[in-house]
Amino acid sequence: MNKQVSGQSLFSRLRFVLVNTSSPGNIGSAARAIKTMGFSELVLVNPRFPDAVKEDEAIAFASGALDVLQNARIVGSVEEALQGCNFAAAVSARLREFSPPVVSPRELAGQLSRDTGLNAALLFGNERFGLPNEVVQKCNALLNIPANPDYSSLNLSQAVQVLAYECRMTELEVQGGPMQTSGNARAPGEVGFHGESASVAEIEGMFAHLEQALVAIDFLNPDNPKKLMPRLKRMFSRARLETEEVNILRGIARQILEPKQAKAGRQEQNEQGEG
């Protein structure tokens, strides 16, 4: 998905990303689930079967959604799947200690529908193992479906269906007007947000840059990092960072690193001169 023009509906701004899916049947069922709700973009990250979309089981379970299935992109990494996105949400039944903020499907659907500048992705993990922590930490939110606490196990395609339904219903309400705020009022969480949302890749680059700077000033021990970076990621994920804000933070990191790097270069030259 390329960057969308602000104002497009959620149906053209939301992609569904299946990570390390084992069953071709689940891929076909997911294609069917999103098409019935008006969505079309399906991305597969390292499925168990490289040509999963051509498997007979996938085709059978797609049941009329062959266009979504056949147009699904198969990529080799989550980073590639999120290219062009400036918001990503991990769908998981398991809560994590240092996860992004936890939201319900309905809450997230409202945010995505109201903010037409967001190109978003919903990430679903492997049927057995779910999403690994490192993938969850790349996301802006952790989605938890409020199922029966005594039996909360949902099939992958069922989870896709629930999310697609919530997003569809909210988008239709927003398009129809009932959920829109009156006059010039902004929806909750949107006050003060005027710039372009930073992409997932831009935010990941910022964290890598900050980590280098924190190591340079001995605030972070790379051999014993503990949980500093996950905590920082969690903190920043509560804010909807704009590209300009990411650039400011990277500028701070650069100002920290440049004197350190210059000093290291002079020391190296002195040592070579003495040798």
Protein backbone atom coordinates (compact mmCIF):
# COMPACT_ATOMS: atom_id res chain seq x y z
CA MET A 1 0.00 0.00 0.00
CA ASN A 2 1.33 3.35 -0.99
CA LYS A 3 0.78 6.44 1.09
CA GLN A 4 -2.85 7.37 0.80
CA VAL A 5 -4.34 10.79 0.30
CA SER A 6 -5.90 12.12 3.48
CA GLY A 7 -9.67 11.68 3.38
CA GLN A 8 -9.84 8.19 1.87
CA SER A 9 -12.07 5.69 3.62
CA LEU A 10 -10.74 3.04 5.96
CA PHE A 11 -11.59 0.38 3.37
CA SER A 12 -8.65 1.59 1.26
CA ARG A 13 -6.32 2.44 4.17
CA LEU A 14 -6.30 -0.79 6.18
CA ARG A 15 -4.29 -3.91 5.45
CA PHE A 16 -4.49 -7.29 7.18
CA VAL A 17 -1.10 -8.92 7.80
CA LEU A 18 -0.82 -12.64 8.62
CA VAL A 19 2.56 -13.57 10.10
CA ASN A 20 3.98 -17.12 9.77
CA THR A 21 0.59 -18.68 9.04
CA SER A 22 0.67 -22.48 8.99
CA SER A 23 -2.68 -23.41 7.44
CA PRO A 24 -3.54 -22.48 3.84
CA GLY A 25 -7.17 -22.92 4.89
CA ASN A 26 -6.84 -20.10 7.39
CA ILE A 27 -5.35 -17.87 4.71
CA GLY A 28 -8.30 -18.58 2.41
CA SER A 29 -10.77 -18.03 5.24
CA ALA A 30 -9.08 -14.74 6.14
CA ALA A 31 -9.39 -13.58 2.52
CA ARG A 32 -13.09 -14.41 2.65
CA ALA A 33 -13.50 -12.66 6.01
CA ILE A 34 -12.02 -9.36 4.91
CA LYS A 35 -13.82 -9.33 1.55
CA THR A 36 -17.22 -9.83 3.19
CA MET A 37 -16.51 -6.70 5.25
CA GLY A 38 -15.42 -4.60 2.27
CA PHE A 39 -11.63 -4.77 2.68
CA SER A 40 -9.20 -6.12 0.12
CA GLU A 41 -5.56 -5.89 1.15
CA LEU A 42 -4.04 -9.08 2.53
CA VAL A 43 -0.31 -9.48 3.20
CA LEU A 44 1.38 -12.77 4.15
CA VAL A 45 4.70 -12.79 6.00
CA ASN A 46 6.63 -16.04 5.56
CA PRO A 47 3.68 -18.43 5.37
CA ARG A 48 4.49 -22.09 5.93
CA PHE A 49 3.77 -22.83 2.27
CA PRO A 50 5.60 -20.37 -0.01
CA ASP A 51 2.79 -20.51 -2.60
CA ALA A 52 0.05 -20.63 0.02
CA VAL A 53 -2.40 -18.64 -2.11
CA LYS A 54 -2.27 -21.38 -4.77
CA GLU A 55 -2.93 -24.25 -2.37
CA ASP A 56 -6.20 -26.09 -3.01
CA GLU A 57 -7.20 -25.69 0.64
CA ALA A 58 -6.72 -21.91 0.52
CA ILE A 59 -8.74 -21.64 -2.69
CA ALA A 60 -11.55 -23.79 -1.28
CA PHE A 61 -11.80 -21.83 1.97
CA ALA A 62 -11.66 -18.47 0.15
CA SER A 63 -15.09 -19.39 -1.26
CA GLY A 64 -15.56 -16.60 -3.77
CA ALA A 65 -12.89 -14.24 -2.43
CA LEU A 66 -10.31 -15.45 -4.95
CA ASP A 67 -9.50 -11.90 -6.02
CA VAL A 68 -8.37 -11.00 -2.49
CA LEU A 69 -6.50 -14.30 -2.16
CA GLN A 70 -4.73 -14.08 -5.51
CA ASN A 71 -3.78 -10.43 -4.98
CA ALA A 72 -2.32 -11.12 -1.54
CA ARG A 73 1.32 -10.07 -1.28
CA ILE A 74 3.80 -12.57 0.12
CA VAL A 75 6.80 -10.91 1.79
CA GLY A 76 9.82 -12.04 3.76
CA SER A 77 9.63 -9.77 6.79
CA VAL A 78 7.28 -7.77 8.97
CA GLU A 79 9.22 -4.62 8.03
CA GLU A 80 8.40 -5.21 4.38
CA ALA A 81 4.76 -5.88 5.22
CA LEU A 82 4.52 -2.55 7.05
CA GLN A 83 6.09 -0.40 4.34
CA GLY A 84 3.88 2.63 3.77
CA CYS A 85 2.11 2.24 7.11
CA ASN A 86 2.17 4.84 9.85
CA PHE A 87 0.16 2.80 12.33
CA ALA A 88 0.28 -0.89 13.22
CA ALA A 89 -1.68 -2.91 15.77
CA ALA A 90 -0.78 -6.39 16.99
CA VAL A 91 -3.72 -8.73 17.58
CA SER A 92 -3.06 -11.07 20.49
CA ALA A 93 -4.94 -12.93 23.21
CA ARG A 94 -1.82 -12.82 25.35
CA LEU A 95 -0.99 -9.60 27.17
CA ARG A 96 2.70 -8.68 27.41
CA GLU A 97 4.55 -6.91 30.22
CA PHE A 98 6.04 -4.26 27.94
CA SER A 99 3.51 -4.22 25.16
CA PRO A 100 2.18 -1.10 23.47
CA PRO A 101 -1.04 0.30 24.95
CA VAL A 102 -3.83 -2.30 25.01
CA VAL A 103 -7.03 -1.31 23.18
CA SER A 104 -10.28 -3.03 22.27
CA PRO A 105 -11.25 -3.62 18.64
CA ARG A 106 -14.01 -1.03 18.90
CA GLU A 107 -11.71 1.63 20.35
CA LEU A 108 -9.14 1.08 17.64
CA ALA A 109 -11.72 1.00 14.86
CA GLY A 110 -12.96 4.41 16.00
CA GLN A 111 -9.46 5.86 15.98
CA LEU A 112 -8.63 4.47 12.54
CA SER A 113 -11.91 5.66 11.03
CA ARG A 114 -11.69 9.20 12.41
CA ASP A 115 -8.05 9.77 11.50
CA THR A 116 -8.08 9.62 7.72
CA GLY A 117 -4.33 10.30 7.61
CA LEU A 118 -3.52 6.87 9.01
CA ASN A 119 -2.45 4.01 6.75
CA ALA A 120 -2.87 1.12 9.14
CA ALA A 121 -2.08 -2.56 9.47
CA LEU A 122 -3.52 -5.25 11.72
CA LEU A 123 -1.03 -8.03 12.48
CA PHE A 124 -2.12 -11.59 13.27
CA GLY A 125 0.34 -14.24 14.44
CA ASN A 126 0.87 -17.94 13.89
CA GLU A 127 -2.05 -20.17 14.85
CA ARG A 128 -0.10 -21.90 17.60
CA PHE A 129 2.46 -19.39 18.82
CA GLY A 130 0.91 -16.02 18.04
CA LEU A 131 3.10 -12.97 17.44
CA PRO A 132 6.64 -12.88 18.87
CA ASN A 133 7.45 -10.10 21.33
CA GLU A 134 9.81 -8.34 18.93
CA VAL A 135 6.98 -7.94 16.42
CA VAL A 136 4.51 -6.73 19.06
CA GLN A 137 7.03 -4.08 20.16
CA LYS A 138 7.12 -2.65 16.64
CA CYS A 139 3.42 -1.86 16.87
CA ASN A 140 1.57 1.19 18.16
CA ALA A 141 -1.13 -0.79 19.93
CA LEU A 142 -1.94 -4.27 21.20
CA LEU A 143 -5.43 -5.41 20.26
CA ASN A 144 -7.16 -7.78 22.63
CA ILE A 145 -10.54 -9.22 21.67
CA PRO A 146 -12.71 -9.31 24.82
CA ALA A 147 -13.79 -12.94 24.47
CA ASN A 148 -15.12 -15.31 27.13
CA PRO A 149 -12.35 -15.36 29.80
CA ASP A 150 -13.08 -19.04 30.46
CA TYR A 151 -12.57 -19.92 26.80
CA SER A 152 -10.99 -17.14 24.78
CA SER A 153 -9.45 -19.23 21.99
CA LEU A 154 -10.34 -17.86 18.57
CA ASN A 155 -9.36 -19.40 15.26
CA LEU A 156 -7.12 -17.09 13.21
CA SER A 157 -9.73 -16.38 10.56
CA GLN A 158 -12.36 -15.80 13.27
CA ALA A 159 -10.14 -13.12 14.80
CA VAL A 160 -9.72 -11.55 11.36
CA GLN A 161 -13.50 -11.59 10.93
CA VAL A 162 -14.11 -9.89 14.29
CA LEU A 163 -11.64 -7.09 13.53
CA ALA A 164 -12.89 -6.62 9.98
CA TYR A 165 -16.48 -6.41 11.22
CA GLU A 166 -15.69 -3.84 13.93
CA CYS A 167 -13.75 -1.70 11.46
CA ARG A 168 -16.52 -1.91 8.88
CA MET A 169 -19.32 -0.97 11.26
CA THR A 170 -17.38 1.96 12.71
CA GLU A 171 -16.37 3.23 9.28
CA LEU A 172 -19.96 3.10 8.05
CA GLU A 173 -21.10 5.06 11.10
CA VAL A 174 -18.39 7.66 10.60
CA GLN A 175 -19.27 8.02 6.91
CA GLY A 176 -22.91 8.38 7.87
CA GLY A 177 -22.15 11.10 10.40
CA PRO A 178 -23.31 9.86 13.84
CA MET A 179 -19.81 9.44 15.20
CA GLN A 180 -18.42 12.68 13.81
CA THR A 181 -17.84 15.56 16.20
CA SER A 182 -19.81 18.76 15.72
CA GLY A 183 -18.42 22.02 14.42
CA ASN A 184 -14.64 22.30 14.61
CA ALA A 185 -14.31 19.99 17.62
CA ARG A 186 -11.73 17.22 17.35
CA ALA A 187 -12.23 13.61 18.35
CA PRO A 188 -10.53 12.48 21.61
CA GLY A 189 -6.79 12.09 21.18
CA GLU A 190 -6.63 14.26 18.07
CA VAL A 191 -6.15 17.65 19.72
CA GLY A 192 -2.80 19.12 18.74
CA PHE A 193 -2.20 16.60 15.96
CA HIS A 194 -1.66 18.42 12.72
CA GLY A 195 1.33 16.89 10.93
CA GLU A 196 1.91 13.70 9.00
CA SER A 197 2.08 10.57 11.14
CA ALA A 198 5.53 8.98 11.25
CA SER A 199 5.74 5.61 9.52
CA VAL A 200 6.54 2.43 11.40
CA ALA A 201 9.94 2.34 9.67
CA GLU A 202 10.71 5.95 10.70
CA ILE A 203 9.89 5.17 14.33
CA GLU A 204 12.03 2.02 14.28
CA GLY A 205 14.93 4.05 12.87
CA MET A 206 14.44 6.63 15.62
CA PHE A 207 14.63 3.96 18.33
CA ALA A 208 17.83 2.52 16.84
CA HIS A 209 19.34 6.04 16.76
CA LEU A 210 18.28 6.76 20.37
CA GLU A 211 19.73 3.46 21.51
CA GLN A 212 23.11 4.37 19.98
CA ALA A 213 23.04 7.73 21.75
CA LEU A 214 22.12 6.21 25.11
CA VAL A 215 24.97 3.73 24.80
CA ALA A 216 27.37 6.56 23.90
CA ILE A 217 26.58 8.48 27.10
CA ASP A 218 26.71 5.28 29.19
CA PHE A 219 23.04 5.53 30.10
CA LEU A 220 22.40 2.15 28.50
CA ASN A 221 24.67 -0.83 28.97
CA PRO A 222 24.42 -2.89 25.76
CA ASP A 223 25.59 -5.99 27.63
CA ASN A 224 22.89 -5.56 30.26
CA PRO A 225 20.13 -3.47 28.67
CA LYS A 226 17.42 -4.72 31.04
CA LYS A 227 14.10 -3.30 29.87
CA LEU A 228 14.96 0.30 29.04
CA MET A 229 14.25 0.20 25.31
CA PRO A 230 10.94 -1.71 25.64
CA ARG A 231 9.86 0.85 28.25
CA LEU A 232 10.80 3.74 25.95
CA LYS A 233 8.91 2.12 23.08
CA ARG A 234 5.88 1.71 25.28
CA MET A 235 6.09 5.33 26.38
CA PHE A 236 6.38 6.72 22.84
CA SER A 237 3.66 4.40 21.54
CA ARG A 238 1.18 6.29 23.71
CA ALA A 239 1.81 9.35 21.55
CA ARG A 240 1.02 9.53 17.87
CA LEU A 241 4.43 10.67 16.69
CA GLU A 242 4.64 12.89 13.65
CA THR A 243 7.51 12.71 11.17
CA GLU A 244 8.75 16.12 12.32
CA GLU A 245 8.79 14.94 15.95
CA VAL A 246 10.75 11.83 14.99
CA ASN A 247 13.26 14.05 13.17
CA ILE A 248 13.63 16.23 16.29
CA LEU A 249 14.39 13.21 18.45
CA ARG A 250 16.88 11.92 15.89
CA GLY A 251 18.49 15.36 15.82
CA ILE A 252 18.98 15.18 19.59
CA ALA A 253 20.54 11.74 19.21
CA ARG A 254 22.82 13.05 16.45
CA GLN A 255 23.97 15.97 18.64
CA ILE A 256 24.88 13.47 21.36
CA LEU A 257 26.70 11.13 19.02
CA GLU A 258 28.72 13.58 16.90
CA PRO A 259 31.02 14.89 19.70
CA LYS A 260 31.54 11.34 20.94
CA GLN A 261 32.41 10.10 17.47
CA ALA A 262 34.72 13.08 16.83
CA LYS A 263 36.53 12.46 20.11
CA ALA A 264 36.92 8.78 19.28
CA GLY A 265 38.35 9.72 15.88
CA ARG A 266 40.93 12.09 17.42
CA GLN A 267 42.01 9.44 19.90
CA GLU A 268 42.47 6.95 17.10
CA GLN A 269 44.59 9.43 15.13
CA ASN A 270 46.74 10.14 18.19
CA GLU A 271 47.29 6.46 18.79
CA GLN A 272 48.28 5.94 15.17
CA GLY A 273 50.65 8.91 15.37
CA GLU A 274 52.31 7.51 18.47
CA GLY A 275 52.69 4.16 16.80
